[in-house]
Amino acid sequence: MLLDKYKPKMPEEMISNKEQIKEIRDWITSWKKGKALLLHGPTGGGKSLSVELIAKEMDCELVESHASDSRGYKDLKESILKASGQKSLMLKKKLILIDEIETLDSVKGITELIKSSEFPVILIGSNPYEKKLFSLRQQCKMVKLGKVRYDVLARFLMHVNAKEKLNVPDSSIYSISKACNGDVRSAMIDLLYSGQPGTRECEEDMFNTLKIIFKAQKIDNIRKAIGNSNSEDVVQWLENNIPEEYKDPQEIASAYDFLSKADLFMSRIIRRQAWSLQKYFIDLGVLGVSASKKQVRNVFVSYARPVYRHNSMDGALGKISKKLHVSKKDARVYVTLIGELAKKTDISRKLDLAEEDMEFFTKQKTSRVQG
């Protein structure tokens, strides 16, 4: 896949944040126990990639974990904490990398890990200045990786364009570079698959998220795309666009099968009120759809919005959010539950009407007999 082909193989090949990469390398070299490194900055700036490349360059074993995959500090303690205290089988040094730290309810496990780890700990977060991360920041050196300048990105895209003979006009390349908001991965997807800039604001929009889910082959890329979008909407968008992207009947059947299983999983979450399991609903639906493809179709697909999303659904979410005093985003999780309650109410109402009709006809019949 061309995205992998042009992925940097060493830190020097990264097209931006070269000073920050040197800062990361120097920190690892002079690391002292009890201290950690906290990388932050916008999506696509190369936070995870820079650590991965430096680890390879320094011949270190990289132990990587996503905080969102755990159910709190106990999970981290059992998985990462053990790894941080054990020597590598290959007698290599280790780097402990934990991504998405802002998703944790408590940073207790992280602070414990930093204090006891025999190896450098590197953290990644999109918003490190959240109140709950205050104590964690005191233990960390913070390094911000900035956006890639659009002119630097444009030169890189022109190199890829010429080498792959894509024949994308320079004007389109500059448009892509400006529209991607410094996200190299998004810019590459636009260049390779459409030759036109995607419609996005500060974060990857849903159209770009769908492109990554349908066309990417690495789970990490898909997870990052989901994390930078309204993930609760992704399943509805996928449902509407599977036939547009997949043409093999087996691929389509497999994708919809995963969505149906995800839907059943969500109904059980609602029934049992087990909202902590909601992330697995997204994984089952989204990753299942992505895994259903036999091969990537390198053609441009015009994705369509779910028909209901901007019509009746918005109105319903508005009413729910107002009544429950929550946001529209949070109101979405109550839709299925309220729908089930509405069905039961409707059935009760029909039974009441049937009883009223029976009472009316009985009275009518009685009056005719008496007359």
Protein backbone atom coordinates (compact mmCIF):
# COMPACT_ATOMS: atom_id res chain seq x y z
CA MET A 1 0.00 0.00 0.00
CA LEU A 2 1.37 3.44 -0.94
CA LEU A 3 0.71 4.87 2.52
CA ASP A 4 3.16 2.32 3.94
CA LYS A 5 5.58 2.81 1.07
CA TYR A 6 6.06 6.49 1.91
CA LYS A 7 5.97 6.07 5.67
CA PRO A 8 9.30 7.28 7.14
CA LYS A 9 11.75 4.49 7.96
CA MET A 10 13.99 6.61 10.21
CA PRO A 11 13.52 9.84 12.19
CA GLU A 12 15.44 11.93 9.66
CA GLU A 13 12.85 11.11 6.99
CA MET A 14 10.03 12.84 8.87
CA ILE A 15 9.11 16.08 7.12
CA SER A 16 8.45 18.18 10.25
CA ASN A 17 9.15 18.59 13.99
CA LYS A 18 12.83 17.78 13.59
CA GLU A 19 13.83 19.78 16.68
CA GLN A 20 11.19 17.97 18.73
CA ILE A 21 12.49 14.60 17.51
CA LYS A 22 15.97 15.56 18.70
CA GLU A 23 14.46 16.60 22.03
CA ILE A 24 12.75 13.20 22.38
CA ARG A 25 15.97 11.36 21.55
CA ASP A 26 18.00 13.42 24.03
CA TRP A 27 15.43 12.85 26.77
CA ILE A 28 15.54 9.06 26.28
CA THR A 29 19.35 9.11 26.35
CA SER A 30 19.47 11.06 29.61
CA TRP A 31 16.35 9.51 31.22
CA LYS A 32 16.15 9.37 35.00
CA LYS A 33 13.86 7.02 36.90
CA GLY A 34 10.64 8.61 38.15
CA LYS A 35 10.29 10.97 35.19
CA ALA A 36 8.24 10.64 31.98
CA LEU A 37 7.89 12.36 28.64
CA LEU A 38 4.51 13.73 27.56
CA LEU A 39 4.00 14.34 23.83
CA HIS A 40 1.03 16.39 22.69
CA GLY A 41 -0.16 18.23 19.63
CA PRO A 42 -2.64 17.99 16.74
CA THR A 43 -3.52 14.81 14.87
CA GLY A 44 -1.13 13.82 12.10
CA GLY A 45 1.92 15.56 13.58
CA GLY A 46 3.77 12.27 14.05
CA LYS A 47 3.70 11.78 17.84
CA SER A 48 3.42 7.98 17.82
CA LEU A 49 5.49 7.60 14.67
CA SER A 50 8.40 9.61 16.03
CA VAL A 51 8.64 7.36 19.11
CA GLU A 52 8.37 4.25 16.95
CA LEU A 53 11.21 5.39 14.68
CA ILE A 54 13.46 6.52 17.53
CA ALA A 55 12.94 3.18 19.29
CA LYS A 56 13.99 1.40 16.13
CA GLU A 57 17.00 3.67 15.67
CA MET A 58 18.14 3.13 19.28
CA ASP A 59 17.46 -0.64 19.08
CA CYS A 60 14.88 -0.49 21.87
CA GLU A 61 11.89 -2.76 22.32
CA LEU A 62 8.72 -0.64 22.14
CA VAL A 63 5.95 -1.70 24.55
CA GLU A 64 2.88 0.16 23.33
CA SER A 65 -0.58 0.46 24.86
CA HIS A 66 -3.71 2.55 24.32
CA ALA A 67 -5.24 3.83 27.54
CA SER A 68 -8.70 3.67 25.95
CA ASP A 69 -8.33 -0.13 25.61
CA SER A 70 -8.13 -0.56 29.37
CA ARG A 71 -10.85 -0.28 32.01
CA GLY A 72 -8.79 1.87 34.35
CA TYR A 73 -5.50 1.89 36.18
CA LYS A 74 -5.81 -1.76 37.32
CA ASP A 75 -5.66 -2.94 33.71
CA LEU A 76 -2.60 -0.80 33.07
CA LYS A 77 -0.97 -2.10 36.23
CA GLU A 78 -1.46 -5.71 35.18
CA SER A 79 -0.29 -5.27 31.60
CA ILE A 80 2.19 -2.41 31.26
CA LEU A 81 3.53 -2.38 34.81
CA LYS A 82 4.70 -5.99 34.47
CA ALA A 83 6.34 -5.25 31.14
CA SER A 84 8.10 -2.19 32.57
CA GLY A 85 9.79 -4.28 35.27
CA GLN A 86 10.82 -7.24 33.12
CA LYS A 87 13.93 -7.47 31.03
CA SER A 88 13.56 -7.99 27.31
CA LEU A 89 14.01 -11.53 26.04
CA MET A 90 16.44 -10.13 23.47
CA LEU A 91 18.29 -8.17 26.21
CA LYS A 92 17.22 -4.91 24.60
CA LYS A 93 16.33 -1.70 26.35
CA LYS A 94 12.62 -0.90 26.45
CA LEU A 95 10.48 2.14 25.81
CA ILE A 96 7.00 2.17 27.37
CA LEU A 97 4.53 4.11 25.22
CA ILE A 98 0.98 4.87 26.40
CA ASP A 99 -1.36 6.69 24.02
CA GLU A 100 -4.69 8.47 24.65
CA ILE A 101 -4.00 9.18 28.33
CA GLU A 102 -6.88 11.68 28.52
CA THR A 103 -9.36 8.80 28.15
CA LEU A 104 -8.51 7.40 31.58
CA ASP A 105 -10.84 8.18 34.48
CA SER A 106 -7.87 8.10 36.86
CA VAL A 107 -4.14 8.64 36.26
CA LYS A 108 -3.18 6.74 39.42
CA GLY A 109 -1.92 3.76 37.42
CA ILE A 110 0.19 6.01 35.19
CA THR A 111 1.85 7.83 38.08
CA GLU A 112 2.58 4.49 39.78
CA LEU A 113 4.06 3.19 36.54
CA ILE A 114 6.33 6.22 36.14
CA LYS A 115 7.69 5.87 39.67
CA SER A 116 8.45 2.16 39.45
CA SER A 117 9.36 1.61 35.80
CA GLU A 118 12.87 0.43 35.02
CA PHE A 119 12.54 1.91 31.54
CA PRO A 120 11.58 5.31 30.05
CA VAL A 121 7.84 5.99 29.92
CA ILE A 122 6.44 8.14 27.09
CA LEU A 123 2.86 9.39 27.17
CA ILE A 124 0.75 10.78 24.33
CA GLY A 125 -2.33 12.94 24.71
CA SER A 126 -4.33 15.34 22.60
CA ASN A 127 -5.22 17.65 25.50
CA PRO A 128 -2.64 17.36 28.30
CA TYR A 129 -3.98 20.41 30.17
CA GLU A 130 -7.13 18.73 31.45
CA LYS A 131 -7.59 19.19 35.19
CA LYS A 132 -7.38 15.46 35.93
CA LEU A 133 -3.88 15.35 34.38
CA PHE A 134 -2.45 18.05 36.67
CA SER A 135 -0.53 15.67 38.97
CA LEU A 136 0.73 13.73 35.96
CA ARG A 137 2.16 16.84 34.33
CA GLN A 138 4.33 17.41 37.40
CA GLN A 139 6.20 14.18 36.62
CA CYS A 140 6.64 14.88 32.92
CA LYS A 141 8.71 16.81 30.48
CA MET A 142 6.25 18.11 27.89
CA VAL A 143 7.04 18.33 24.20
CA LYS A 144 4.57 19.68 21.66
CA LEU A 145 4.70 18.42 18.08
CA GLY A 146 3.17 21.05 15.81
CA LYS A 147 1.29 20.90 12.54
CA VAL A 148 3.15 20.36 9.29
CA ARG A 149 3.33 23.63 7.33
CA TYR A 150 1.24 23.41 4.18
CA ASP A 151 4.13 24.41 1.88
CA VAL A 152 6.36 21.69 3.36
CA LEU A 153 3.55 19.17 2.95
CA ALA A 154 2.90 20.31 -0.62
CA ARG A 155 6.53 19.65 -1.60
CA PHE A 156 6.28 16.14 -0.14
CA LEU A 157 3.02 15.43 -1.98
CA MET A 158 4.51 16.68 -5.25
CA HIS A 159 7.39 14.24 -4.78
CA VAL A 160 4.92 11.35 -4.31
CA ASN A 161 2.80 12.60 -7.22
CA ALA A 162 5.77 12.62 -9.59
CA LYS A 163 7.23 9.30 -8.44
CA GLU A 164 3.90 7.43 -8.66
CA LYS A 165 2.84 9.24 -11.87
CA LEU A 166 -0.54 10.18 -10.38
CA ASN A 167 -0.85 13.25 -12.63
CA VAL A 168 -2.59 15.31 -9.96
CA PRO A 169 -2.37 19.06 -10.86
CA ASP A 170 -0.20 21.28 -8.65
CA SER A 171 -3.25 23.42 -7.84
CA SER A 172 -5.04 20.39 -6.39
CA ILE A 173 -1.96 19.42 -4.38
CA TYR A 174 -1.83 22.88 -2.80
CA SER A 175 -5.55 22.66 -2.04
CA ILE A 176 -5.06 19.27 -0.38
CA SER A 177 -2.12 20.61 1.64
CA LYS A 178 -4.13 23.54 2.96
CA ALA A 179 -7.33 21.59 3.64
CA CYS A 180 -5.78 18.72 5.61
CA ASN A 181 -4.92 20.95 8.58
CA GLY A 182 -1.38 19.63 8.89
CA ASP A 183 -2.36 15.96 8.92
CA VAL A 184 0.09 14.12 6.64
CA ARG A 185 -1.87 10.86 6.68
CA SER A 186 -5.10 12.59 5.60
CA ALA A 187 -3.29 14.49 2.86
CA MET A 188 -1.80 11.27 1.49
CA ILE A 189 -5.22 9.60 1.41
CA ASP A 190 -6.70 12.54 -0.49
CA LEU A 191 -3.82 12.54 -2.96
CA LEU A 192 -3.80 8.79 -3.58
CA TYR A 193 -7.52 8.09 -3.75
CA SER A 194 -9.24 11.18 -5.09
CA GLY A 195 -6.72 13.83 -6.08
CA GLN A 196 -8.96 16.37 -4.33
CA PRO A 197 -9.03 17.79 -0.82
CA GLY A 198 -11.49 16.28 1.59
CA THR A 199 -13.95 18.48 3.46
CA ARG A 200 -12.61 18.80 7.01
CA GLU A 201 -12.45 21.25 9.84
CA CYS A 202 -9.91 21.04 12.64
CA GLU A 203 -10.47 17.32 13.05
CA GLU A 204 -10.85 14.64 10.41
CA ASP A 205 -14.41 14.79 9.22
CA MET A 206 -16.65 11.82 8.68
CA PHE A 207 -15.94 11.53 4.94
CA ASN A 208 -12.21 11.20 5.59
CA THR A 209 -12.86 8.80 8.46
CA LEU A 210 -14.81 6.53 6.10
CA LYS A 211 -11.96 6.63 3.58
CA ILE A 212 -9.53 5.42 6.22
CA ILE A 213 -11.87 2.70 7.54
CA PHE A 214 -12.64 1.35 4.08
CA LYS A 215 -9.14 1.64 2.61
CA ALA A 216 -6.63 1.35 5.48
CA GLN A 217 -5.19 -2.03 6.40
CA LYS A 218 -3.71 -1.24 9.80
CA ILE A 219 -5.89 -1.22 12.92
CA ASP A 220 -3.91 1.65 14.49
CA ASN A 221 -4.77 3.96 11.58
CA ILE A 222 -8.45 3.05 11.86
CA ARG A 223 -8.49 3.59 15.63
CA LYS A 224 -6.94 7.04 15.23
CA ALA A 225 -9.49 7.96 12.57
CA ILE A 226 -12.34 6.91 14.85
CA GLY A 227 -10.82 8.83 17.73
CA ASN A 228 -10.78 12.04 15.70
CA SER A 229 -14.43 11.83 14.68
CA ASN A 230 -17.81 11.48 16.31
CA SER A 231 -17.40 7.74 16.70
CA GLU A 232 -21.02 7.22 17.72
CA ASP A 233 -22.07 8.27 14.20
CA VAL A 234 -19.55 6.11 12.35
CA VAL A 235 -21.66 2.92 12.37
CA GLN A 236 -24.66 4.70 10.80
CA TRP A 237 -22.44 6.21 8.09
CA LEU A 238 -20.85 2.84 7.36
CA GLU A 239 -24.23 1.16 7.07
CA ASN A 240 -25.25 3.66 4.41
CA ASN A 241 -22.02 3.44 2.38
CA ILE A 242 -20.97 -0.22 2.40
CA PRO A 243 -22.60 -0.90 -1.02
CA GLU A 244 -20.85 2.16 -2.44
CA GLU A 245 -17.38 0.98 -1.38
CA TYR A 246 -17.63 -2.82 -1.53
CA LYS A 247 -18.74 -4.54 -4.74
CA ASP A 248 -18.05 -8.19 -3.90
CA PRO A 249 -21.27 -9.74 -2.48
CA GLN A 250 -19.25 -11.67 0.12
CA GLU A 251 -17.58 -8.48 1.32
CA ILE A 252 -20.93 -6.71 1.59
CA ALA A 253 -22.53 -9.66 3.42
CA SER A 254 -19.61 -9.91 5.87
CA ALA A 255 -19.65 -6.16 6.57
CA TYR A 256 -23.38 -6.09 7.29
CA ASP A 257 -23.02 -9.22 9.43
CA PHE A 258 -20.52 -7.40 11.66
CA LEU A 259 -22.84 -4.39 11.89
CA SER A 260 -25.78 -6.60 12.87
CA LYS A 261 -23.69 -8.23 15.61
CA ALA A 262 -22.62 -4.79 16.83
CA ASP A 263 -26.27 -3.75 16.93
CA LEU A 264 -27.15 -6.80 19.05
CA PHE A 265 -24.24 -5.97 21.34
CA MET A 266 -25.52 -2.42 21.78
CA SER A 267 -29.02 -3.65 22.63
CA ARG A 268 -27.52 -5.77 25.41
CA ILE A 269 -25.51 -2.79 26.66
CA ILE A 270 -28.72 -0.77 26.89
CA ARG A 271 -30.68 -3.58 28.49
CA ARG A 272 -28.00 -4.19 31.14
CA GLN A 273 -26.99 -0.51 31.42
CA ALA A 274 -23.35 -1.58 30.91
CA TRP A 275 -22.14 1.62 29.25
CA SER A 276 -18.48 0.84 29.96
CA LEU A 277 -18.69 -1.76 27.18
CA GLN A 278 -19.77 0.74 24.54
CA LYS A 279 -16.27 1.02 23.04
CA TYR A 280 -16.49 -2.66 22.06
CA PHE A 281 -19.64 -1.89 20.08
CA ILE A 282 -17.59 0.54 17.97
CA ASP A 283 -14.73 -1.95 17.61
CA LEU A 284 -17.01 -4.80 16.56
CA GLY A 285 -18.88 -2.71 14.00
CA VAL A 286 -16.11 -0.51 12.56
CA LEU A 287 -13.15 -2.89 12.62
CA GLY A 288 -15.40 -5.70 11.40
CA VAL A 289 -16.48 -3.67 8.37
CA SER A 290 -12.87 -2.76 7.58
CA ALA A 291 -11.72 -6.39 7.91
CA SER A 292 -14.44 -7.56 5.50
CA LYS A 293 -12.59 -6.30 2.42
CA LYS A 294 -10.51 -8.77 0.44
CA GLN A 295 -8.50 -6.03 -1.19
CA VAL A 296 -8.46 -2.23 -1.30
CA ARG A 297 -10.33 -0.58 -4.19
CA ASN A 298 -8.15 2.33 -5.27
CA VAL A 299 -11.02 4.32 -6.73
CA PHE A 300 -12.76 7.48 -5.53
CA VAL A 301 -16.09 6.87 -3.82
CA SER A 302 -18.53 9.66 -3.07
CA TYR A 303 -19.84 8.82 0.39
CA ALA A 304 -23.38 9.83 1.30
CA ARG A 305 -24.79 10.96 4.63
CA PRO A 306 -27.31 8.69 6.37
CA VAL A 307 -30.70 9.78 5.08
CA TYR A 308 -32.29 10.17 8.48
CA ARG A 309 -29.37 11.87 10.16
CA HIS A 310 -30.21 15.44 9.24
CA ASN A 311 -33.98 15.02 9.14
CA SER A 312 -36.03 13.30 11.82
CA MET A 313 -33.05 12.15 13.87
CA ASP A 314 -31.77 15.65 14.59
CA GLY A 315 -35.21 16.71 15.77
CA ALA A 316 -35.57 13.65 17.97
CA LEU A 317 -32.11 14.12 19.47
CA GLY A 318 -32.92 17.74 20.19
CA LYS A 319 -36.06 16.77 22.12
CA ILE A 320 -34.28 14.01 24.04
CA SER A 321 -31.32 16.24 24.95
CA LYS A 322 -33.68 18.97 26.18
CA LYS A 323 -35.75 16.60 28.34
CA LEU A 324 -32.75 14.74 29.80
CA HIS A 325 -30.50 17.83 30.06
CA VAL A 326 -27.68 16.26 28.04
CA SER A 327 -25.96 17.07 24.75
CA LYS A 328 -27.24 15.75 21.42
CA LYS A 329 -24.19 13.49 21.24
CA ASP A 330 -24.97 11.97 24.65
CA ALA A 331 -28.68 11.80 23.79
CA ARG A 332 -27.96 9.33 20.97
CA VAL A 333 -27.31 6.46 23.40
CA TYR A 334 -30.88 6.77 24.69
CA VAL A 335 -32.55 6.55 21.27
CA THR A 336 -32.91 2.75 21.18
CA LEU A 337 -34.11 2.62 24.78
CA ILE A 338 -36.71 5.32 24.22
CA GLY A 339 -37.78 3.59 21.02
CA GLU A 340 -38.45 0.38 22.94
CA LEU A 341 -40.39 2.28 25.60
CA ALA A 342 -42.40 4.00 22.86
CA LYS A 343 -43.31 0.63 21.36
CA LYS A 344 -44.57 -0.62 24.70
CA THR A 345 -46.51 2.61 25.23
CA ASP A 346 -48.01 2.28 21.76
CA ILE A 347 -49.08 -1.31 22.48
CA SER A 348 -50.66 -0.23 25.78
CA ARG A 349 -52.47 2.58 24.01
CA LYS A 350 -53.80 0.17 21.38
CA LEU A 351 -55.06 -2.17 24.11
CA ASP A 352 -56.78 0.76 25.83
CA LEU A 353 -58.45 1.77 22.55
CA ALA A 354 -59.53 -1.84 21.95
CA GLU A 355 -61.12 -1.96 25.40
CA GLU A 356 -62.88 1.35 24.75
CA ASP A 357 -64.18 0.03 21.40
CA MET A 358 -65.43 -3.17 23.03
CA GLU A 359 -67.18 -1.16 25.74
CA PHE A 360 -68.79 1.10 23.11
CA PHE A 361 -70.05 -1.81 20.97
CA THR A 362 -71.34 -3.62 24.08
CA LYS A 363 -73.35 -0.55 25.08
CA GLN A 364 -74.69 -0.21 21.53
CA LYS A 365 -75.71 -3.85 21.43
CA THR A 366 -77.38 -3.61 24.86
CA SER A 367 -79.37 -0.53 23.89
CA ARG A 368 -80.61 -2.20 20.68
CA VAL A 369 -81.73 -5.31 22.62
CA GLN A 370 -83.54 -3.18 25.22
CA GLY A 371 -85.19 -1.14 22.47
